[in-house]
Amino acid sequence: MARPSHPSNLELQALSVIWHHGPSTVATIHESLPDGKERAYTTVLSVMQSLERKSLVKRARVGRAHVYEAAYSQDVIVQRATHDFLTNAFGGRLDEAILAILSAGTLTPDEKTNIERELQRHKAMAAKKTAKKAAAKTATKAVKKVAKKAPAKKAAAKTAPAKKAATKAPAKKAVKTAKKASKKVAKSAKKAGPAKKAAKKTVAKKAPVKKAAPAKKAAVKSAAPAKKTAKKAPAKKAAKKVTKKAAKKAAK
């Protein structure tokens, strides 16, 4: 909501009537102005039209009459007027302003009780403000302490994963190297399988050659007696010839 315009003194009187009596017509406001001065109806009507232009009141038609209603509460408008009055007249000194207002007239018992109640409320509000300030200070101190400790914790948290990664890294490398070695062994075993089979085949082929060796020995053995018989055969033939010659000589 936009900041309301500052009303004049007479406009404030008209607003005070609306705040106390509720939505009112120009005639009601004209009769109830606090200062009690005699004014023309048209003067009050022009005041209400000015308030309507400033958006401080709202006008509504009820039957043949025009009823004006306040657009802002009394606290919103009076707070600004009071601040201006306190600053301009008393230099912002609230105690002097209160004493000046009290000396302006006499208070009724109800007014006194209301003022006392308001003073008690202000005391309670002041105590709450001081408690809030103290709590805020302690909270800021705690936050600062936590903020100082937080970097160390963050650094430790950062180094912890690094340590874990450092310990896990060799293990992962060892696992990888072991897997690579096992794969190489498996490949070499696959390659060695056909080589072993080929070696077995070559050994099987060479084996008959070794078995042929006994046959050679048997042939040599059989050949040896044949040679001996071959050597003995001429001797027998020679003996037969000698016997034949001897028989011929004896016949003669």
Protein backbone atom coordinates (compact mmCIF):
# COMPACT_ATOMS: atom_id res chain seq x y z
CA MET A 1 0.00 0.00 0.00
CA ALA A 2 1.28 3.48 -0.88
CA ARG A 3 2.25 5.89 1.90
CA PRO A 4 -0.75 8.07 2.78
CA SER A 5 -0.64 11.82 2.28
CA HIS A 6 -0.24 14.05 5.31
CA PRO A 7 -3.62 15.56 6.30
CA SER A 8 -4.07 19.11 7.50
CA ASN A 9 -5.24 19.96 11.04
CA LEU A 10 -8.87 20.32 10.03
CA GLU A 11 -8.69 17.13 7.99
CA LEU A 12 -7.30 15.35 11.04
CA GLN A 13 -10.30 16.56 13.05
CA ALA A 14 -12.67 15.17 10.42
CA LEU A 15 -10.80 11.85 10.42
CA SER A 16 -10.95 11.71 14.21
CA VAL A 17 -14.75 11.91 14.03
CA ILE A 18 -14.84 8.98 11.56
CA TRP A 19 -12.42 6.92 13.68
CA HIS A 20 -14.60 7.36 16.78
CA HIS A 21 -18.08 7.27 15.25
CA GLY A 22 -17.46 5.01 12.26
CA PRO A 23 -18.58 5.79 8.70
CA SER A 24 -20.29 9.21 8.82
CA THR A 25 -22.03 11.75 6.63
CA VAL A 26 -20.85 15.34 6.13
CA ALA A 27 -23.57 16.57 8.50
CA THR A 28 -22.41 14.27 11.31
CA ILE A 29 -18.79 15.32 10.85
CA HIS A 30 -19.82 19.01 10.74
CA GLU A 31 -21.58 18.69 14.10
CA SER A 32 -18.83 16.61 15.80
CA LEU A 33 -15.61 18.45 14.99
CA PRO A 34 -13.48 18.48 18.19
CA ASP A 35 -12.54 22.15 18.28
CA GLY A 36 -16.26 23.19 18.37
CA LYS A 37 -15.79 26.15 16.08
CA GLU A 38 -18.67 27.30 13.93
CA ARG A 39 -18.08 26.41 10.29
CA ALA A 40 -20.28 26.28 7.22
CA TYR A 41 -21.51 22.95 5.90
CA THR A 42 -19.78 23.63 2.58
CA THR A 43 -16.44 24.02 4.39
CA VAL A 44 -16.71 20.56 5.89
CA LEU A 45 -17.86 19.21 2.51
CA SER A 46 -14.75 20.65 0.82
CA VAL A 47 -12.60 19.11 3.61
CA MET A 48 -14.12 15.68 2.94
CA GLN A 49 -13.65 16.09 -0.83
CA SER A 50 -9.98 16.95 -0.18
CA LEU A 51 -9.58 13.82 1.96
CA GLU A 52 -11.16 11.78 -0.83
CA ARG A 53 -8.67 13.21 -3.37
CA LYS A 54 -5.83 12.29 -1.04
CA SER A 55 -7.28 8.73 -0.80
CA LEU A 56 -7.59 9.09 2.97
CA VAL A 57 -11.33 8.37 2.92
CA LYS A 58 -13.72 6.30 0.80
CA ARG A 59 -17.15 7.56 -0.19
CA ALA A 60 -20.20 5.36 -0.55
CA ARG A 61 -23.81 6.26 -1.34
CA VAL A 62 -26.36 4.98 1.13
CA GLY A 63 -29.84 5.98 -0.05
CA ARG A 64 -29.69 9.69 -0.80
CA ALA A 65 -26.77 10.40 1.58
CA HIS A 66 -23.00 10.11 0.99
CA VAL A 67 -21.16 8.25 3.73
CA TYR A 68 -17.41 8.62 4.27
CA GLU A 69 -15.24 5.87 5.68
CA ALA A 70 -11.55 6.13 6.72
CA ALA A 71 -9.14 4.43 4.34
CA TYR A 72 -6.41 4.06 7.01
CA SER A 73 -6.52 3.30 10.70
CA GLN A 74 -5.85 5.94 13.33
CA ASP A 75 -2.50 4.40 14.28
CA VAL A 76 -1.15 4.72 10.72
CA ILE A 77 -2.08 8.39 10.31
CA VAL A 78 -1.48 9.58 13.89
CA GLN A 79 1.90 7.92 14.15
CA ARG A 80 3.26 10.07 11.35
CA ALA A 81 1.59 13.23 12.71
CA THR A 82 2.86 12.51 16.21
CA HIS A 83 6.39 11.96 14.94
CA ASP A 84 6.30 15.27 13.11
CA PHE A 85 4.88 17.04 16.18
CA LEU A 86 7.46 15.47 18.49
CA THR A 87 10.33 16.33 16.18
CA ASN A 88 9.25 19.88 15.32
CA ALA A 89 7.97 20.99 18.75
CA PHE A 90 10.19 19.05 21.22
CA GLY A 91 13.25 18.01 19.22
CA GLY A 92 12.33 14.34 19.58
CA ARG A 93 12.27 14.37 23.42
CA LEU A 94 9.33 12.16 24.30
CA ASP A 95 9.25 12.86 28.05
CA GLU A 96 8.88 16.60 27.47
CA ALA A 97 6.11 15.98 24.96
CA ILE A 98 4.23 13.71 27.38
CA LEU A 99 4.54 16.20 30.25
CA ALA A 100 3.37 18.98 27.97
CA ILE A 101 0.35 16.96 26.89
CA LEU A 102 -0.51 16.04 30.49
CA SER A 103 -0.32 19.66 31.57
CA ALA A 104 -2.70 20.65 28.79
CA GLY A 105 -5.69 19.30 30.74
CA THR A 106 -6.94 17.08 33.52
CA LEU A 107 -7.24 13.31 33.14
CA THR A 108 -10.31 11.37 34.08
CA PRO A 109 -9.88 8.16 36.13
CA ASP A 110 -10.50 6.06 33.03
CA GLU A 111 -7.88 8.00 31.10
CA LYS A 112 -5.39 7.53 33.92
CA THR A 113 -5.94 3.76 33.97
CA ASN A 114 -5.56 3.62 30.22
CA ILE A 115 -2.30 5.55 30.40
CA GLU A 116 -0.99 3.32 33.19
CA ARG A 117 -1.91 0.24 31.18
CA GLU A 118 -0.11 1.68 28.17
CA LEU A 119 2.98 2.42 30.25
CA GLN A 120 3.04 -1.16 31.52
CA ARG A 121 2.79 -2.39 27.96
CA HIS A 122 5.71 -0.19 26.94
CA LYS A 123 7.79 -1.55 29.81
CA ALA A 124 7.04 -5.12 28.75
CA MET A 125 7.91 -4.25 25.16
CA ALA A 126 11.19 -2.68 26.27
CA ALA A 127 12.05 -5.80 28.29
CA LYS A 128 11.28 -7.99 25.29
CA LYS A 129 13.48 -5.83 23.06
CA THR A 130 16.41 -6.05 25.47
CA ALA A 131 15.93 -9.83 25.75
CA LYS A 132 15.83 -10.13 21.97
CA LYS A 133 18.98 -8.04 21.63
CA ALA A 134 20.79 -10.19 24.20
CA ALA A 135 19.62 -13.36 22.45
CA ALA A 136 20.73 -11.94 19.10
CA LYS A 137 24.17 -11.13 20.49
CA THR A 138 24.61 -14.61 21.94
CA ALA A 139 23.39 -16.12 18.67
CA THR A 140 25.86 -14.07 16.62
CA LYS A 141 28.69 -15.10 18.96
CA ALA A 142 27.71 -18.75 18.63
CA VAL A 143 27.52 -18.41 14.85
CA LYS A 144 30.98 -16.81 14.76
CA LYS A 145 32.42 -19.64 16.86
CA VAL A 146 30.81 -22.22 14.62
CA ALA A 147 32.04 -20.35 11.55
CA LYS A 148 35.60 -20.43 12.91
CA LYS A 149 35.41 -24.15 13.62
CA ALA A 150 33.61 -24.95 10.39
CA PRO A 151 36.62 -24.48 8.05
CA ALA A 152 38.68 -26.94 10.11
CA LYS A 153 35.87 -29.48 9.99
CA LYS A 154 35.44 -28.93 6.26
CA ALA A 155 39.17 -29.35 5.71
CA ALA A 156 39.13 -32.56 7.77
CA ALA A 157 36.10 -33.75 5.83
CA LYS A 158 37.89 -32.99 2.58
CA THR A 159 41.12 -34.74 3.66
CA ALA A 160 39.21 -37.79 4.90
CA PRO A 161 37.89 -38.72 1.44
CA ALA A 162 41.36 -38.04 0.05
CA LYS A 163 42.84 -40.50 2.55
CA LYS A 164 40.19 -43.05 1.73
CA ALA A 165 40.84 -42.56 -1.95
CA ALA A 166 44.59 -42.90 -1.34
CA THR A 167 44.09 -46.17 0.55
CA LYS A 168 41.61 -47.47 -1.98
CA ALA A 169 43.72 -46.48 -4.99
CA PRO A 170 46.55 -49.06 -4.43
CA ALA A 171 44.00 -51.76 -3.69
CA LYS A 172 42.15 -50.96 -6.91
CA LYS A 173 45.43 -50.93 -8.84
CA ALA A 174 46.42 -54.29 -7.31
CA VAL A 175 43.05 -55.75 -8.25
CA LYS A 176 43.41 -54.43 -11.78
CA THR A 177 46.95 -55.83 -12.15
CA ALA A 178 45.82 -59.18 -10.73
CA LYS A 179 42.95 -59.30 -13.22
CA LYS A 180 45.31 -58.42 -16.08
CA ALA A 181 47.79 -61.11 -14.94
CA SER A 182 45.02 -63.71 -14.71
CA LYS A 183 43.83 -62.77 -18.19
CA LYS A 184 47.39 -63.11 -19.54
CA VAL A 185 47.79 -66.50 -17.86
CA ALA A 186 44.49 -67.64 -19.33
CA LYS A 187 45.54 -66.49 -22.79
CA SER A 188 48.97 -68.17 -22.48
CA ALA A 189 47.27 -71.35 -21.25
CA LYS A 190 44.98 -71.29 -24.27
CA LYS A 191 47.95 -70.78 -26.56
CA ALA A 192 50.00 -73.51 -24.78
CA GLY A 193 47.21 -76.08 -25.21
CA PRO A 194 47.69 -76.57 -28.96
CA ALA A 195 51.49 -76.51 -28.50
CA LYS A 196 51.29 -79.36 -25.99
CA LYS A 197 49.04 -81.33 -28.33
CA ALA A 198 51.50 -80.78 -31.19
CA ALA A 199 54.38 -81.88 -28.96
CA LYS A 200 52.48 -85.04 -28.06
CA LYS A 201 51.83 -85.73 -31.73
CA THR A 202 55.49 -85.27 -32.62
CA VAL A 203 56.54 -87.56 -29.77
CA ALA A 204 54.02 -90.14 -30.96
CA LYS A 205 55.43 -89.90 -34.48
CA LYS A 206 59.01 -90.25 -33.26
CA ALA A 207 58.15 -93.20 -31.00
CA PRO A 208 57.93 -95.77 -33.86
CA VAL A 209 61.48 -94.83 -34.87
CA LYS A 210 62.68 -95.78 -31.41
CA LYS A 211 60.75 -99.07 -31.67
CA ALA A 212 62.54 -99.84 -34.92
CA ALA A 213 65.83 -100.01 -33.03
CA PRO A 214 65.14 -103.54 -31.64
CA ALA A 215 64.39 -104.67 -35.21
CA LYS A 216 67.83 -103.46 -36.28
CA LYS A 217 69.39 -105.28 -33.37
CA ALA A 218 67.52 -108.49 -34.37
CA ALA A 219 68.68 -108.09 -37.94
CA VAL A 220 72.27 -107.63 -36.76
CA LYS A 221 71.95 -110.68 -34.51
CA SER A 222 70.52 -112.77 -37.32
CA ALA A 223 73.15 -111.52 -39.70
CA ALA A 224 75.98 -112.44 -37.38
CA PRO A 225 75.28 -116.26 -37.43
CA ALA A 226 74.78 -116.06 -41.16
CA LYS A 227 78.25 -114.61 -41.53
CA LYS A 228 79.60 -117.34 -39.29
CA THR A 229 77.86 -120.04 -41.38
CA ALA A 230 79.10 -118.32 -44.51
CA LYS A 231 82.65 -118.53 -43.17
CA LYS A 232 82.18 -122.20 -42.19
CA ALA A 233 80.65 -123.21 -45.56
CA PRO A 234 83.92 -122.96 -47.62
CA ALA A 235 85.69 -125.00 -45.00
CA LYS A 236 83.17 -127.80 -45.40
CA LYS A 237 83.47 -127.59 -49.16
CA ALA A 238 87.23 -127.79 -48.88
CA ALA A 239 86.95 -130.85 -46.63
CA LYS A 240 84.65 -132.54 -49.09
CA LYS A 241 87.11 -131.85 -51.89
CA VAL A 242 89.96 -133.32 -49.85
CA THR A 243 87.95 -136.44 -49.10
CA LYS A 244 87.04 -136.87 -52.71
CA LYS A 245 90.66 -136.52 -53.79
CA ALA A 246 91.72 -139.07 -51.17
CA ALA A 247 89.08 -141.50 -52.36
CA LYS A 248 90.25 -141.22 -55.94
CA LYS A 249 93.85 -141.85 -54.96
CA ALA A 250 92.88 -144.87 -52.97
CA ALA A 251 90.93 -146.24 -55.89
CA LYS A 252 93.98 -146.08 -58.05
